[in-house]
N, C-alpha and C. Protein backbone atom coordinates (compact mmCIF):
# COMPACT_ATOMS: atom_id res chain seq x y z
N MET A 1 -188.24 16.65 73.29
CA MET A 1 -189.45 16.96 74.01
C MET A 1 -189.22 16.69 75.50
N SER A 2 -189.62 17.63 76.31
CA SER A 2 -189.51 17.49 77.75
C SER A 2 -190.87 17.08 78.32
N LEU A 3 -190.86 16.01 79.12
CA LEU A 3 -192.10 15.50 79.70
C LEU A 3 -192.18 15.84 81.18
N ASN A 4 -193.38 16.13 81.63
CA ASN A 4 -193.64 16.35 83.05
C ASN A 4 -193.88 14.99 83.70
N LEU A 5 -193.15 14.69 84.76
CA LEU A 5 -193.33 13.44 85.48
C LEU A 5 -194.50 13.57 86.43
N VAL A 6 -195.50 12.70 86.25
CA VAL A 6 -196.69 12.69 87.10
C VAL A 6 -196.79 11.30 87.72
N ILE A 7 -196.75 11.23 89.04
CA ILE A 7 -196.89 9.95 89.73
C ILE A 7 -198.30 9.86 90.28
N SER A 8 -199.05 8.88 89.78
CA SER A 8 -200.45 8.73 90.21
C SER A 8 -200.52 8.41 91.70
N PRO A 9 -201.66 8.68 92.32
CA PRO A 9 -201.80 8.33 93.74
C PRO A 9 -201.56 6.85 94.03
N ARG A 10 -202.02 5.96 93.14
CA ARG A 10 -201.79 4.52 93.35
C ARG A 10 -200.32 4.18 93.27
N ALA A 11 -199.61 4.80 92.32
CA ALA A 11 -198.17 4.54 92.20
C ALA A 11 -197.43 5.08 93.42
N HIS A 12 -197.86 6.22 93.90
CA HIS A 12 -197.26 6.79 95.11
C HIS A 12 -197.46 5.84 96.30
N ALA A 13 -198.66 5.28 96.42
CA ALA A 13 -198.93 4.31 97.48
C ALA A 13 -198.09 3.05 97.30
N ASP A 14 -197.92 2.60 96.05
CA ASP A 14 -197.06 1.44 95.77
C ASP A 14 -195.64 1.69 96.28
N LEU A 15 -195.12 2.87 95.97
CA LEU A 15 -193.76 3.22 96.38
C LEU A 15 -193.63 3.24 97.90
N ASN A 16 -194.59 3.87 98.56
CA ASN A 16 -194.55 3.92 100.03
C ASN A 16 -194.62 2.53 100.65
N ASP A 17 -195.50 1.69 100.11
CA ASP A 17 -195.64 0.33 100.64
C ASP A 17 -194.35 -0.47 100.45
N ALA A 18 -193.76 -0.39 99.27
CA ALA A 18 -192.52 -1.14 98.99
C ALA A 18 -191.38 -0.63 99.86
N TRP A 19 -191.26 0.68 99.97
CA TRP A 19 -190.19 1.26 100.79
C TRP A 19 -190.33 0.78 102.24
N ARG A 20 -191.54 0.86 102.76
CA ARG A 20 -191.80 0.45 104.14
C ARG A 20 -191.49 -1.04 104.32
N TRP A 21 -191.90 -1.88 103.37
CA TRP A 21 -191.65 -3.32 103.47
C TRP A 21 -190.15 -3.61 103.54
N TYR A 22 -189.38 -2.98 102.65
CA TYR A 22 -187.93 -3.20 102.64
C TYR A 22 -187.28 -2.64 103.91
N GLU A 23 -187.69 -1.47 104.34
CA GLU A 23 -187.11 -0.88 105.54
C GLU A 23 -187.42 -1.70 106.79
N ASP A 24 -188.60 -2.31 106.85
CA ASP A 24 -188.96 -3.16 107.98
C ASP A 24 -188.06 -4.39 108.06
N ARG A 25 -187.57 -4.85 106.93
CA ARG A 25 -186.71 -6.02 106.91
C ARG A 25 -185.26 -5.68 107.22
N GLN A 26 -184.78 -4.57 106.65
CA GLN A 26 -183.41 -4.14 106.90
C GLN A 26 -183.27 -2.65 106.59
N GLN A 27 -182.84 -1.91 107.57
CA GLN A 27 -182.71 -0.46 107.40
C GLN A 27 -181.77 -0.16 106.24
N GLY A 28 -182.20 0.77 105.39
CA GLY A 28 -181.41 1.21 104.25
C GLY A 28 -181.79 0.56 102.94
N VAL A 29 -182.42 -0.61 102.99
CA VAL A 29 -182.79 -1.30 101.75
C VAL A 29 -183.91 -0.54 101.04
N GLY A 30 -184.83 0.01 101.78
CA GLY A 30 -185.89 0.83 101.18
C GLY A 30 -185.31 2.02 100.44
N ASP A 31 -184.29 2.64 101.02
CA ASP A 31 -183.63 3.77 100.36
C ASP A 31 -182.93 3.33 99.08
N ARG A 32 -182.32 2.14 99.11
CA ARG A 32 -181.67 1.62 97.89
C ARG A 32 -182.72 1.32 96.81
N PHE A 33 -183.86 0.81 97.24
CA PHE A 33 -184.97 0.57 96.30
C PHE A 33 -185.38 1.90 95.64
N MET A 34 -185.57 2.93 96.45
CA MET A 34 -185.99 4.23 95.90
C MET A 34 -184.95 4.81 94.96
N LEU A 35 -183.67 4.61 95.26
CA LEU A 35 -182.60 5.07 94.38
C LEU A 35 -182.71 4.40 93.01
N ARG A 36 -182.94 3.09 93.01
CA ARG A 36 -183.10 2.36 91.74
C ARG A 36 -184.33 2.86 90.98
N VAL A 37 -185.42 3.08 91.69
CA VAL A 37 -186.63 3.60 91.04
C VAL A 37 -186.34 4.96 90.41
N ASP A 38 -185.64 5.83 91.14
CA ASP A 38 -185.29 7.15 90.60
C ASP A 38 -184.43 7.03 89.34
N GLU A 39 -183.50 6.08 89.34
CA GLU A 39 -182.65 5.87 88.17
C GLU A 39 -183.47 5.44 86.96
N VAL A 40 -184.41 4.53 87.18
CA VAL A 40 -185.26 4.06 86.08
C VAL A 40 -186.17 5.19 85.60
N LEU A 41 -186.72 5.96 86.50
CA LEU A 41 -187.56 7.10 86.09
C LEU A 41 -186.77 8.10 85.26
N ALA A 42 -185.53 8.33 85.60
CA ALA A 42 -184.68 9.24 84.82
C ALA A 42 -184.48 8.68 83.41
N ARG A 43 -184.25 7.36 83.30
CA ARG A 43 -184.09 6.73 81.98
C ARG A 43 -185.39 6.84 81.17
N ILE A 44 -186.51 6.62 81.82
CA ILE A 44 -187.80 6.72 81.14
C ILE A 44 -188.01 8.14 80.63
N CYS A 45 -187.70 9.12 81.45
CA CYS A 45 -187.89 10.53 81.04
C CYS A 45 -187.00 10.89 79.85
N ARG A 46 -185.79 10.33 79.83
CA ARG A 46 -184.89 10.60 78.70
C ARG A 46 -185.37 9.96 77.40
N ASP A 47 -185.89 8.74 77.49
CA ASP A 47 -186.32 8.01 76.30
C ASP A 47 -187.52 7.12 76.64
N PRO A 48 -188.71 7.70 76.69
CA PRO A 48 -189.88 6.96 77.14
C PRO A 48 -190.28 5.79 76.24
N GLU A 49 -189.81 5.77 75.01
CA GLU A 49 -190.18 4.69 74.09
C GLU A 49 -189.23 3.50 74.14
N MET A 50 -188.24 3.53 75.02
CA MET A 50 -187.24 2.46 75.04
C MET A 50 -187.75 1.18 75.70
N PHE A 51 -188.85 1.25 76.43
CA PHE A 51 -189.36 0.08 77.15
C PHE A 51 -190.59 -0.47 76.42
N PRO A 52 -190.86 -1.77 76.59
CA PRO A 52 -191.94 -2.42 75.81
C PRO A 52 -193.34 -2.00 76.25
N ILE A 53 -194.21 -1.97 75.25
CA ILE A 53 -195.63 -1.70 75.50
C ILE A 53 -196.29 -3.00 75.97
N LEU A 54 -197.08 -2.90 77.04
CA LEU A 54 -197.84 -4.05 77.52
C LEU A 54 -199.22 -4.09 76.90
N GLN A 55 -199.96 -2.99 77.07
CA GLN A 55 -201.29 -2.87 76.46
C GLN A 55 -201.75 -1.43 76.53
N ARG A 56 -202.59 -1.05 75.59
CA ARG A 56 -203.18 0.28 75.52
C ARG A 56 -202.17 1.41 75.74
N GLY A 57 -200.99 1.25 75.19
CA GLY A 57 -199.97 2.28 75.27
C GLY A 57 -199.20 2.34 76.57
N ALA A 58 -199.52 1.50 77.52
CA ALA A 58 -198.80 1.47 78.80
C ALA A 58 -197.53 0.64 78.63
N ARG A 59 -196.46 1.12 79.20
CA ARG A 59 -195.15 0.47 79.09
C ARG A 59 -194.67 -0.02 80.44
N TRP A 60 -193.70 -0.93 80.41
CA TRP A 60 -193.16 -1.57 81.62
C TRP A 60 -191.66 -1.43 81.63
N ALA A 61 -191.11 -0.89 82.72
CA ALA A 61 -189.66 -0.78 82.90
C ALA A 61 -189.29 -1.48 84.20
N ALA A 62 -188.41 -2.47 84.10
CA ALA A 62 -187.99 -3.22 85.29
C ALA A 62 -187.07 -2.37 86.16
N VAL A 63 -187.17 -2.60 87.46
CA VAL A 63 -186.31 -1.93 88.44
C VAL A 63 -185.16 -2.89 88.75
N PRO A 64 -183.92 -2.53 88.38
CA PRO A 64 -182.79 -3.43 88.61
C PRO A 64 -182.62 -3.79 90.09
N ARG A 65 -182.28 -5.05 90.33
CA ARG A 65 -181.98 -5.61 91.65
C ARG A 65 -183.19 -5.76 92.56
N PHE A 66 -184.37 -5.40 92.07
CA PHE A 66 -185.59 -5.54 92.85
C PHE A 66 -186.66 -6.15 91.94
N PRO A 67 -187.57 -6.94 92.49
CA PRO A 67 -188.58 -7.60 91.66
C PRO A 67 -189.79 -6.71 91.34
N TYR A 68 -189.53 -5.49 90.95
CA TYR A 68 -190.58 -4.52 90.66
C TYR A 68 -190.43 -3.97 89.25
N GLY A 69 -191.52 -3.48 88.74
CA GLY A 69 -191.50 -2.78 87.47
C GLY A 69 -192.32 -1.50 87.59
N ILE A 70 -191.99 -0.56 86.73
CA ILE A 70 -192.71 0.71 86.68
C ILE A 70 -193.62 0.68 85.46
N LEU A 71 -194.91 0.83 85.70
CA LEU A 71 -195.91 0.88 84.66
C LEU A 71 -196.21 2.34 84.38
N TYR A 72 -196.08 2.74 83.11
CA TYR A 72 -196.26 4.16 82.79
C TYR A 72 -196.85 4.33 81.40
N ARG A 73 -197.31 5.54 81.15
CA ARG A 73 -197.86 5.91 79.85
C ARG A 73 -197.51 7.37 79.58
N VAL A 74 -197.28 7.69 78.32
CA VAL A 74 -197.08 9.08 77.91
C VAL A 74 -198.42 9.61 77.45
N GLU A 75 -198.85 10.71 78.07
CA GLU A 75 -200.11 11.36 77.73
C GLU A 75 -199.83 12.82 77.48
N ASP A 76 -199.90 13.21 76.22
CA ASP A 76 -199.57 14.57 75.79
C ASP A 76 -198.16 14.90 76.24
N SER A 77 -197.98 15.88 77.11
CA SER A 77 -196.64 16.26 77.57
C SER A 77 -196.33 15.69 78.95
N ASP A 78 -197.13 14.72 79.40
CA ASP A 78 -196.93 14.12 80.72
C ASP A 78 -196.47 12.67 80.60
N LEU A 79 -195.57 12.30 81.45
CA LEU A 79 -195.19 10.91 81.64
C LEU A 79 -195.86 10.48 82.94
N VAL A 80 -196.90 9.67 82.81
CA VAL A 80 -197.74 9.31 83.96
C VAL A 80 -197.34 7.92 84.46
N VAL A 81 -196.89 7.86 85.70
CA VAL A 81 -196.56 6.58 86.33
C VAL A 81 -197.86 6.03 86.91
N LEU A 82 -198.28 4.88 86.37
CA LEU A 82 -199.53 4.26 86.78
C LEU A 82 -199.36 3.33 87.96
N GLY A 83 -198.16 2.79 88.13
CA GLY A 83 -197.92 1.88 89.23
C GLY A 83 -196.46 1.48 89.33
N VAL A 84 -196.08 1.06 90.51
CA VAL A 84 -194.78 0.44 90.76
C VAL A 84 -195.15 -0.92 91.37
N ILE A 85 -195.11 -1.95 90.52
CA ILE A 85 -195.77 -3.20 90.81
C ILE A 85 -194.77 -4.34 90.95
N HIS A 86 -194.97 -5.15 91.98
CA HIS A 86 -194.14 -6.34 92.18
C HIS A 86 -194.38 -7.29 91.02
N GLY A 87 -193.32 -7.89 90.52
CA GLY A 87 -193.40 -8.76 89.37
C GLY A 87 -194.27 -9.99 89.55
N ARG A 88 -194.47 -10.43 90.78
CA ARG A 88 -195.29 -11.62 91.02
C ARG A 88 -196.78 -11.32 91.12
N ARG A 89 -197.14 -10.08 91.03
CA ARG A 89 -198.57 -9.75 91.15
C ARG A 89 -199.37 -10.21 89.94
N GLY A 90 -198.71 -10.37 88.84
CA GLY A 90 -199.37 -10.92 87.67
C GLY A 90 -200.10 -9.88 86.84
N PRO A 91 -200.55 -10.31 85.67
CA PRO A 91 -201.17 -9.39 84.70
C PRO A 91 -202.43 -8.71 85.21
N ARG A 92 -203.19 -9.36 86.06
CA ARG A 92 -204.44 -8.75 86.52
C ARG A 92 -204.17 -7.39 87.17
N GLU A 93 -203.09 -7.29 87.93
CA GLU A 93 -202.77 -6.04 88.63
C GLU A 93 -202.44 -4.92 87.65
N TRP A 94 -201.54 -5.19 86.71
CA TRP A 94 -201.18 -4.09 85.80
C TRP A 94 -202.26 -3.82 84.77
N LYS A 95 -203.02 -4.83 84.38
CA LYS A 95 -204.10 -4.59 83.44
C LYS A 95 -205.18 -3.70 84.04
N SER A 96 -205.40 -3.81 85.34
CA SER A 96 -206.42 -2.99 85.98
C SER A 96 -206.03 -1.52 86.01
N ARG A 97 -204.75 -1.22 85.75
CA ARG A 97 -204.30 0.17 85.82
C ARG A 97 -204.12 0.83 84.47
N THR A 98 -204.23 0.06 83.39
CA THR A 98 -204.01 0.64 82.06
C THR A 98 -205.28 1.17 81.45
């Protein structure tokens, strides 16, 4: 089954904020962050059930080398990214998006 990747507006804002934060600290780190996110998204698209369910069908995939995770859900033929969330934000942040 082929899934359409849909990045929610909040997840898009998360990505922009994280990229900007890393780039402000050191040029190129934001790009490395985005590369890792792209790699994880490709893995999710290949096998969306490989990552653990947190609640209400939403899953969490860690971003290697960065303290972020990708929160997503499969809805019909769409893989919907609900957020790209820093690991220290805690459950309240990801629960509000599921």
